[in-house]
Amino acid sequence: MSDIGVERQAPVGSVKIVYLGPTVPHWDVRSDYGDKALIDGFRERLAARLLLLPPHDPQFRRNRERVNRDAERENLVIEWDLGYPEDEG
């Protein structure tokens, strides 16, 4: 699908997903701005996808992409902090 002719709206919120380490819960979701109900709903969906998954689990990559698509649909800026530098390529 092409974005040609589609006007992008300003983000309605932001979230930062932080890897806390090998003990459960693995993830923390922080928000700088946005509707609290929207962010809380996103946080619940994210928890369902990532609750028991550390970043080295093979399922993590698939679920991370789902979380990214969900953030895009909700028009949220998303940032991941896995505790290590990620390859850009």
PDB file of N, CA and C in Angstrom:
ATOM      1  N   MET A   1       0.845  -1.172   0.000  1.00  0.00           N
ATOM      2  CA  MET A   1       0.000   0.000   0.000  1.00  0.00           C
ATOM      3  C   MET A   1       0.889   1.233   0.000  1.00  0.00           C
ATOM      4  N   SER A   2       0.556   2.221  -0.772  1.00  0.00           N
ATOM      5  CA  SER A   2       1.359   3.426  -0.939  1.00  0.00           C
ATOM      6  C   SER A   2       0.838   4.542  -0.052  1.00  0.00           C
ATOM      7  N   ASP A   3       1.750   5.389   0.426  1.00  0.00           N
ATOM      8  CA  ASP A   3       1.383   6.538   1.238  1.00  0.00           C
ATOM      9  C   ASP A   3       1.248   7.801   0.404  1.00  0.00           C
ATOM     10  N   ILE A   4       1.336   7.691  -0.926  1.00  0.00           N
ATOM     11  CA  ILE A   4       1.227   8.842  -1.800  1.00  0.00           C
ATOM     12  C   ILE A   4      -0.169   9.446  -1.652  1.00  0.00           C
ATOM     13  N   GLY A   5      -0.201  10.750  -1.401  1.00  0.00           N
ATOM     14  CA  GLY A   5      -1.479  11.433  -1.266  1.00  0.00           C
ATOM     15  C   GLY A   5      -2.119  11.282   0.103  1.00  0.00           C
ATOM     16  N   VAL A   6      -1.466  10.584   1.020  1.00  0.00           N
ATOM     17  CA  VAL A   6      -2.015  10.400   2.356  1.00  0.00           C
ATOM     18  C   VAL A   6      -1.336  11.399   3.287  1.00  0.00           C
ATOM     19  N   GLU A   7      -2.139  12.222   3.914  1.00  0.00           N
ATOM     20  CA  GLU A   7      -1.597  13.217   4.822  1.00  0.00           C
ATOM     21  C   GLU A   7      -1.407  12.597   6.205  1.00  0.00           C
ATOM     22  N   ARG A   8      -0.191  12.698   6.725  1.00  0.00           N
ATOM     23  CA  ARG A   8       0.118  12.156   8.049  1.00  0.00           C
ATOM     24  C   ARG A   8      -0.314  13.149   9.120  1.00  0.00           C
ATOM     25  N   GLN A   9      -0.948  12.640  10.153  1.00  0.00           N
ATOM     26  CA  GLN A   9      -1.347  13.470  11.279  1.00  0.00           C
ATOM     27  C   GLN A   9      -0.242  13.468  12.318  1.00  0.00           C
ATOM     28  N   ALA A  10      -0.234  14.484  13.142  1.00  0.00           N
ATOM     29  CA  ALA A  10       0.728  14.548  14.232  1.00  0.00           C
ATOM     30  C   ALA A  10       0.454  13.398  15.200  1.00  0.00           C
ATOM     31  N   PRO A  11       1.495  12.835  15.787  1.00  0.00           N
ATOM     32  CA  PRO A  11       1.293  11.747  16.761  1.00  0.00           C
ATOM     33  C   PRO A  11       0.418  12.208  17.928  1.00  0.00           C
ATOM     34  N   VAL A  12      -0.374  11.289  18.448  1.00  0.00           N
ATOM     35  CA  VAL A  12      -1.268  11.605  19.557  1.00  0.00           C
ATOM     36  C   VAL A  12      -0.667  11.205  20.903  1.00  0.00           C
ATOM     37  N   GLY A  13       0.481  10.570  20.882  1.00  0.00           N
ATOM     38  CA  GLY A  13       1.137  10.163  22.125  1.00  0.00           C
ATOM     39  C   GLY A  13       2.472   9.524  21.814  1.00  0.00           C
ATOM     40  N   SER A  14       3.209   9.227  22.870  1.00  0.00           N
ATOM     41  CA  SER A  14       4.476   8.536  22.688  1.00  0.00           C
ATOM     42  C   SER A  14       4.639   7.491  23.782  1.00  0.00           C
ATOM     43  N   VAL A  15       5.321   6.411  23.432  1.00  0.00           N
ATOM     44  CA  VAL A  15       5.640   5.374  24.401  1.00  0.00           C
ATOM     45  C   VAL A  15       7.080   4.943  24.213  1.00  0.00           C
ATOM     46  N   LYS A  16       7.705   4.617  25.310  1.00  0.00           N
ATOM     47  CA  LYS A  16       9.046   4.051  25.296  1.00  0.00           C
ATOM     48  C   LYS A  16       8.944   2.706  25.989  1.00  0.00           C
ATOM     49  N   ILE A  17       9.372   1.664  25.295  1.00  0.00           N
ATOM     50  CA  ILE A  17       9.311   0.310  25.823  1.00  0.00           C
ATOM     51  C   ILE A  17      10.720  -0.057  26.266  1.00  0.00           C
ATOM     52  N   VAL A  18      10.878  -0.347  27.556  1.00  0.00           N
ATOM     53  CA  VAL A  18      12.195  -0.569  28.141  1.00  0.00           C
ATOM     54  C   VAL A  18      12.301  -2.010  28.631  1.00  0.00           C
ATOM     55  N   TYR A  19      13.364  -2.693  28.195  1.00  0.00           N
ATOM     56  CA  TYR A  19      13.661  -4.041  28.680  1.00  0.00           C
ATOM     57  C   TYR A  19      14.263  -3.919  30.071  1.00  0.00           C
ATOM     58  N   LEU A  20      13.654  -4.581  31.057  1.00  0.00           N
ATOM     59  CA  LEU A  20      14.080  -4.481  32.445  1.00  0.00           C
ATOM     60  C   LEU A  20      15.090  -5.547  32.850  1.00  0.00           C
ATOM     61  N   GLY A  21      15.227  -6.588  32.047  1.00  0.00           N
ATOM     62  CA  GLY A  21      16.180  -7.637  32.374  1.00  0.00           C
ATOM     63  C   GLY A  21      15.534  -9.008  32.365  1.00  0.00           C
ATOM     64  N   PRO A  22      16.294 -10.011  32.797  1.00  0.00           N
ATOM     65  CA  PRO A  22      15.840 -11.394  32.656  1.00  0.00           C
ATOM     66  C   PRO A  22      14.729 -11.824  33.611  1.00  0.00           C
ATOM     67  N   THR A  23      14.430 -11.044  34.629  1.00  0.00           N
ATOM     68  CA  THR A  23      13.355 -11.447  35.533  1.00  0.00           C
ATOM     69  C   THR A  23      12.028 -10.857  35.069  1.00  0.00           C
ATOM     70  N   VAL A  24      10.952 -11.579  35.321  1.00  0.00           N
ATOM     71  CA  VAL A  24       9.617 -11.145  34.913  1.00  0.00           C
ATOM     72  C   VAL A  24       9.115 -10.123  35.923  1.00  0.00           C
ATOM     73  N   PRO A  25       8.491  -9.012  35.538  1.00  0.00           N
ATOM     74  CA  PRO A  25       8.193  -8.657  34.159  1.00  0.00           C
ATOM     75  C   PRO A  25       9.436  -8.138  33.434  1.00  0.00           C
ATOM     76  N   HIS A  26       9.530  -8.465  32.166  1.00  0.00           N
ATOM     77  CA  HIS A  26      10.675  -8.068  31.359  1.00  0.00           C
ATOM     78  C   HIS A  26      10.580  -6.631  30.871  1.00  0.00           C
ATOM     79  N   TRP A  27       9.363  -6.087  30.796  1.00  0.00           N
ATOM     80  CA  TRP A  27       9.133  -4.828  30.079  1.00  0.00           C
ATOM     81  C   TRP A  27       8.466  -3.774  30.934  1.00  0.00           C
ATOM     82  N   ASP A  28       8.830  -2.517  30.676  1.00  0.00           N
ATOM     83  CA  ASP A  28       8.165  -1.368  31.269  1.00  0.00           C
ATOM     84  C   ASP A  28       7.768  -0.445  30.121  1.00  0.00           C
ATOM     85  N   VAL A  29       6.591   0.125  30.199  1.00  0.00           N
ATOM     86  CA  VAL A  29       6.107   1.046  29.166  1.00  0.00           C
ATOM     87  C   VAL A  29       5.978   2.419  29.798  1.00  0.00           C
ATOM     88  N   ARG A  30       6.707   3.382  29.231  1.00  0.00           N
ATOM     89  CA  ARG A  30       6.704   4.748  29.740  1.00  0.00           C
ATOM     90  C   ARG A  30       6.132   5.667  28.671  1.00  0.00           C
ATOM     91  N   SER A  31       5.442   6.701  29.111  1.00  0.00           N
ATOM     92  CA  SER A  31       4.832   7.626  28.161  1.00  0.00           C
ATOM     93  C   SER A  31       5.135   9.057  28.559  1.00  0.00           C
ATOM     94  N   ASP A  32       5.518   9.873  27.573  1.00  0.00           N
ATOM     95  CA  ASP A  32       5.775  11.295  27.805  1.00  0.00           C
ATOM     96  C   ASP A  32       4.507  12.127  27.642  1.00  0.00           C
ATOM     97  N   TYR A  33       3.649  11.727  26.701  1.00  0.00           N
ATOM     98  CA  TYR A  33       2.420  12.475  26.468  1.00  0.00           C
ATOM     99  C   TYR A  33       1.422  11.576  25.763  1.00  0.00           C
ATOM    100  N   GLY A  34       0.176  11.988  25.805  1.00  0.00           N
ATOM    101  CA  GLY A  34      -0.897  11.252  25.150  1.00  0.00           C
ATOM    102  C   GLY A  34      -2.034  10.972  26.111  1.00  0.00           C
ATOM    103  N   ASP A  35      -3.174  10.629  25.543  1.00  0.00           N
ATOM    104  CA  ASP A  35      -4.362  10.301  26.312  1.00  0.00           C
ATOM    105  C   ASP A  35      -4.098   9.079  27.194  1.00  0.00           C
ATOM    106  N   LYS A  36      -4.353   9.208  28.487  1.00  0.00           N
ATOM    107  CA  LYS A  36      -4.067   8.131  29.427  1.00  0.00           C
ATOM    108  C   LYS A  36      -4.804   6.836  29.059  1.00  0.00           C
ATOM    109  N   ALA A  37      -6.056   6.930  28.670  1.00  0.00           N
ATOM    110  CA  ALA A  37      -6.822   5.740  28.307  1.00  0.00           C
ATOM    111  C   ALA A  37      -6.227   5.062  27.074  1.00  0.00           C
ATOM    112  N   LEU A  38      -5.806   5.848  26.095  1.00  0.00           N
ATOM    113  CA  LEU A  38      -5.185   5.303  24.888  1.00  0.00           C
ATOM    114  C   LEU A  38      -3.874   4.586  25.234  1.00  0.00           C
ATOM    115  N   ILE A  39      -3.032   5.232  26.039  1.00  0.00           N
ATOM    116  CA  ILE A  39      -1.749   4.654  26.430  1.00  0.00           C
ATOM    117  C   ILE A  39      -1.971   3.401  27.269  1.00  0.00           C
ATOM    118  N   ASP A  40      -2.918   3.426  28.190  1.00  0.00           N
ATOM    119  CA  ASP A  40      -3.195   2.253  29.025  1.00  0.00           C
ATOM    120  C   ASP A  40      -3.685   1.069  28.185  1.00  0.00           C
ATOM    121  N   GLY A  41      -4.526   1.340  27.205  1.00  0.00           N
ATOM    122  CA  GLY A  41      -4.989   0.274  26.311  1.00  0.00           C
ATOM    123  C   GLY A  41      -3.843  -0.310  25.514  1.00  0.00           C
ATOM    124  N   PHE A  42      -2.960   0.555  25.013  1.00  0.00           N
ATOM    125  CA  PHE A  42      -1.780   0.094  24.280  1.00  0.00           C
ATOM    126  C   PHE A  42      -0.888  -0.732  25.196  1.00  0.00           C
ATOM    127  N   ARG A  43      -0.703  -0.281  26.434  1.00  0.00           N
ATOM    128  CA  ARG A  43       0.125  -0.990  27.418  1.00  0.00           C
ATOM    129  C   ARG A  43      -0.430  -2.404  27.669  1.00  0.00           C
ATOM    130  N   GLU A  44      -1.740  -2.535  27.757  1.00  0.00           N
ATOM    131  CA  GLU A  44      -2.362  -3.848  27.982  1.00  0.00           C
ATOM    132  C   GLU A  44      -2.123  -4.784  26.799  1.00  0.00           C
ATOM    133  N   ARG A  45      -2.280  -4.268  25.583  1.00  0.00           N
ATOM    134  CA  ARG A  45      -2.046  -5.105  24.399  1.00  0.00           C
ATOM    135  C   ARG A  45      -0.578  -5.498  24.301  1.00  0.00           C
ATOM    136  N   LEU A  46       0.309  -4.545  24.617  1.00  0.00           N
ATOM    137  CA  LEU A  46       1.734  -4.834  24.593  1.00  0.00           C
ATOM    138  C   LEU A  46       2.084  -5.914  25.616  1.00  0.00           C
ATOM    139  N   ALA A  47       1.532  -5.813  26.806  1.00  0.00           N
ATOM    140  CA  ALA A  47       1.798  -6.813  27.851  1.00  0.00           C
ATOM    141  C   ALA A  47       1.350  -8.199  27.394  1.00  0.00           C
ATOM    142  N   ALA A  48       0.232  -8.270  26.707  1.00  0.00           N
ATOM    143  CA  ALA A  48      -0.250  -9.564  26.225  1.00  0.00           C
ATOM    144  C   ALA A  48       0.703 -10.165  25.192  1.00  0.00           C
ATOM    145  N   ARG A  49       1.352  -9.329  24.409  1.00  0.00           N
ATOM    146  CA  ARG A  49       2.272  -9.812  23.368  1.00  0.00           C
ATOM    147  C   ARG A  49       3.676 -10.107  23.897  1.00  0.00           C
ATOM    148  N   LEU A  50       4.119  -9.370  24.916  1.00  0.00           N
ATOM    149  CA  LEU A  50       5.520  -9.464  25.324  1.00  0.00           C
ATOM    150  C   LEU A  50       5.750  -9.949  26.747  1.00  0.00           C
ATOM    151  N   LEU A  51       4.714 -10.210  27.514  1.00  0.00           N
ATOM    152  CA  LEU A  51       4.842 -10.473  28.944  1.00  0.00           C
ATOM    153  C   LEU A  51       5.990 -11.409  29.304  1.00  0.00           C
ATOM    154  N   LEU A  52       6.061 -12.560  28.693  1.00  0.00           N
ATOM    155  CA  LEU A  52       7.068 -13.556  29.059  1.00  0.00           C
ATOM    156  C   LEU A  52       8.192 -13.670  28.042  1.00  0.00           C
ATOM    157  N   LEU A  53       8.297 -12.708  27.132  1.00  0.00           N
ATOM    158  CA  LEU A  53       9.296 -12.791  26.072  1.00  0.00           C
ATOM    159  C   LEU A  53      10.474 -11.851  26.306  1.00  0.00           C
ATOM    160  N   PRO A  54      11.660 -12.384  26.553  1.00  0.00           N
ATOM    161  CA  PRO A  54      12.845 -11.530  26.543  1.00  0.00           C
ATOM    162  C   PRO A  54      13.252 -11.271  25.092  1.00  0.00           C
ATOM    163  N   PRO A  55      14.093 -10.276  24.837  1.00  0.00           N
ATOM    164  CA  PRO A  55      14.437  -9.920  23.453  1.00  0.00           C
ATOM    165  C   PRO A  55      15.165 -11.020  22.682  1.00  0.00           C
ATOM    166  N   HIS A  56      15.781 -11.973  23.345  1.00  0.00           N
ATOM    167  CA  HIS A  56      16.505 -13.030  22.632  1.00  0.00           C
ATOM    168  C   HIS A  56      15.597 -14.202  22.246  1.00  0.00           C
ATOM    169  N   ASP A  57      14.340 -14.182  22.653  1.00  0.00           N
ATOM    170  CA  ASP A  57      13.396 -15.244  22.295  1.00  0.00           C
ATOM    171  C   ASP A  57      13.012 -15.090  20.815  1.00  0.00           C
ATOM    172  N   PRO A  58      12.983 -16.189  20.039  1.00  0.00           N
ATOM    173  CA  PRO A  58      12.625 -16.090  18.610  1.00  0.00           C
ATOM    174  C   PRO A  58      11.250 -15.462  18.362  1.00  0.00           C
ATOM    175  N   GLN A  59      10.309 -15.638  19.264  1.00  0.00           N
ATOM    176  CA  GLN A  59       8.969 -15.071  19.089  1.00  0.00           C
ATOM    177  C   GLN A  59       8.972 -13.546  19.270  1.00  0.00           C
ATOM    178  N   PHE A  60       9.982 -13.021  19.948  1.00  0.00           N
ATOM    179  CA  PHE A  60      10.033 -11.587  20.219  1.00  0.00           C
ATOM    180  C   PHE A  60      10.003 -10.759  18.939  1.00  0.00           C
ATOM    181  N   ARG A  61      10.787 -11.140  17.943  1.00  0.00           N
ATOM    182  CA  ARG A  61      10.859 -10.347  16.704  1.00  0.00           C
ATOM    183  C   ARG A  61       9.484 -10.221  16.047  1.00  0.00           C
ATOM    184  N   ARG A  62       8.734 -11.316  15.967  1.00  0.00           N
ATOM    185  CA  ARG A  62       7.391 -11.267  15.365  1.00  0.00           C
ATOM    186  C   ARG A  62       6.456 -10.386  16.198  1.00  0.00           C
ATOM    187  N   ASN A  63       6.502 -10.575  17.513  1.00  0.00           N
ATOM    188  CA  ASN A  63       5.600  -9.801  18.359  1.00  0.00           C
ATOM    189  C   ASN A  63       5.988  -8.324  18.400  1.00  0.00           C
ATOM    190  N   ARG A  64       7.280  -8.045  18.294  1.00  0.00           N
ATOM    191  CA  ARG A  64       7.724  -6.653  18.252  1.00  0.00           C
ATOM    192  C   ARG A  64       7.144  -5.955  17.023  1.00  0.00           C
ATOM    193  N   GLU A  65       7.153  -6.623  15.883  1.00  0.00           N
ATOM    194  CA  GLU A  65       6.572  -6.042  14.676  1.00  0.00           C
ATOM    195  C   GLU A  65       5.075  -5.796  14.846  1.00  0.00           C
ATOM    196  N   ARG A  66       4.390  -6.690  15.531  1.00  0.00           N
ATOM    197  CA  ARG A  66       2.955  -6.493  15.794  1.00  0.00           C
ATOM    198  C   ARG A  66       2.739  -5.272  16.683  1.00  0.00           C
ATOM    199  N   VAL A  67       3.584  -5.112  17.700  1.00  0.00           N
ATOM    200  CA  VAL A  67       3.496  -3.953  18.580  1.00  0.00           C
ATOM    201  C   VAL A  67       3.756  -2.675  17.782  1.00  0.00           C
ATOM    202  N   ASN A  68       4.750  -2.695  16.902  1.00  0.00           N
ATOM    203  CA  ASN A  68       5.052  -1.529  16.072  1.00  0.00           C
ATOM    204  C   ASN A  68       3.870  -1.160  15.177  1.00  0.00           C
ATOM    205  N   ARG A  69       3.236  -2.171  14.563  1.00  0.00           N
ATOM    206  CA  ARG A  69       2.064  -1.899  13.709  1.00  0.00           C
ATOM    207  C   ARG A  69       0.908  -1.342  14.535  1.00  0.00           C
ATOM    208  N   ASP A  70       0.724  -1.875  15.741  1.00  0.00           N
ATOM    209  CA  ASP A  70      -0.330  -1.388  16.625  1.00  0.00           C
ATOM    210  C   ASP A  70      -0.083   0.084  16.971  1.00  0.00           C
ATOM    211  N   ALA A  71       1.162   0.436  17.279  1.00  0.00           N
ATOM    212  CA  ALA A  71       1.499   1.829  17.589  1.00  0.00           C
ATOM    213  C   ALA A  71       1.243   2.721  16.377  1.00  0.00           C
ATOM    214  N   GLU A  72       1.576   2.231  15.201  1.00  0.00           N
ATOM    215  CA  GLU A  72       1.336   3.013  13.982  1.00  0.00           C
ATOM    216  C   GLU A  72      -0.157   3.248  13.771  1.00  0.00           C
ATOM    217  N   ARG A  73      -0.971   2.211  13.977  1.00  0.00           N
ATOM    218  CA  ARG A  73      -2.435   2.359  13.839  1.00  0.00           C
ATOM    219  C   ARG A  73      -2.985   3.373  14.841  1.00  0.00           C
ATOM    220  N   GLU A  74      -2.428   3.372  16.044  1.00  0.00           N
ATOM    221  CA  GLU A  74      -2.894   4.289  17.095  1.00  0.00           C
ATOM    222  C   GLU A  74      -2.281   5.680  16.954  1.00  0.00           C
ATOM    223  N   ASN A  75      -1.367   5.837  15.991  1.00  0.00           N
ATOM    224  CA  ASN A  75      -0.663   7.097  15.744  1.00  0.00           C
ATOM    225  C   ASN A  75       0.188   7.497  16.950  1.00  0.00           C
ATOM    226  N   LEU A  76       0.916   6.505  17.488  1.00  0.00           N
ATOM    227  CA  LEU A  76       1.813   6.717  18.617  1.00  0.00           C
ATOM    228  C   LEU A  76       3.256   6.663  18.143  1.00  0.00           C
ATOM    229  N   VAL A  77       4.082   7.520  18.699  1.00  0.00           N
ATOM    230  CA  VAL A  77       5.527   7.443  18.488  1.00  0.00           C
ATOM    231  C   VAL A  77       6.021   6.338  19.423  1.00  0.00           C
ATOM    232  N   ILE A  78       6.820   5.421  18.891  1.00  0.00           N
ATOM    233  CA  ILE A  78       7.293   4.306  19.713  1.00  0.00           C
ATOM    234  C   ILE A  78       8.816   4.270  19.700  1.00  0.00           C
ATOM    235  N   GLU A  79       9.382   3.984  20.852  1.00  0.00           N
ATOM    236  CA  GLU A  79      10.827   3.859  21.000  1.00  0.00           C
ATOM    237  C   GLU A  79      11.101   2.596  21.816  1.00  0.00           C
ATOM    238  N   TRP A  80      12.102   1.849  21.395  1.00  0.00           N
ATOM    239  CA  TRP A  80      12.498   0.627  22.096  1.00  0.00           C
ATOM    240  C   TRP A  80      13.849   0.838  22.754  1.00  0.00           C
ATOM    241  N   ASP A  81      13.968   0.438  24.011  1.00  0.00           N
ATOM    242  CA  ASP A  81      15.242   0.443  24.722  1.00  0.00           C
ATOM    243  C   ASP A  81      15.482  -0.974  25.220  1.00  0.00           C
ATOM    244  N   LEU A  82      16.281  -1.719  24.447  1.00  0.00           N
ATOM    245  CA  LEU A  82      16.544  -3.114  24.782  1.00  0.00           C
ATOM    246  C   LEU A  82      17.768  -3.280  25.676  1.00  0.00           C
ATOM    247  N   GLY A  83      18.398  -2.172  26.007  1.00  0.00           N
ATOM    248  CA  GLY A  83      19.555  -2.238  26.878  1.00  0.00           C
ATOM    249  C   GLY A  83      20.860  -2.504  26.149  1.00  0.00           C
ATOM    250  N   TYR A  84      20.801  -2.532  24.825  1.00  0.00           N
ATOM    251  CA  TYR A  84      22.004  -2.718  24.003  1.00  0.00           C
ATOM    252  C   TYR A  84      21.758  -2.062  22.655  1.00  0.00           C
ATOM    253  N   PRO A  85      22.851  -1.672  21.967  1.00  0.00           N
ATOM    254  CA  PRO A  85      22.655  -1.048  20.646  1.00  0.00           C
ATOM    255  C   PRO A  85      22.111  -2.060  19.642  1.00  0.00           C
ATOM    256  N   GLU A  86      21.202  -1.592  18.805  1.00  0.00           N
ATOM    257  CA  GLU A  86      20.632  -2.450  17.772  1.00  0.00           C
ATOM    258  C   GLU A  86      21.265  -2.124  16.422  1.00  0.00           C
ATOM    259  N   ASP A  87      21.399  -3.132  15.583  1.00  0.00           N
ATOM    260  CA  ASP A  87      21.895  -2.919  14.221  1.00  0.00           C
ATOM    261  C   ASP A  87      20.846  -2.185  13.425  1.00  0.00           C
ATOM    262  N   GLU A  88      21.273  -1.198  12.678  1.00  0.00           N
ATOM    263  CA  GLU A  88      20.352  -0.448  11.824  1.00  0.00           C
ATOM    264  C   GLU A  88      20.106  -1.156  10.497  1.00  0.00           C
ATOM    265  N   GLY A  89      20.991  -2.039  10.092  1.00  0.00           N
ATOM    266  CA  GLY A  89      20.863  -2.718   8.797  1.00  0.00           C
ATOM    267  C   GLY A  89      20.051  -3.886   8.921  1.00  0.00           C
TER     268      GLY A  89
END
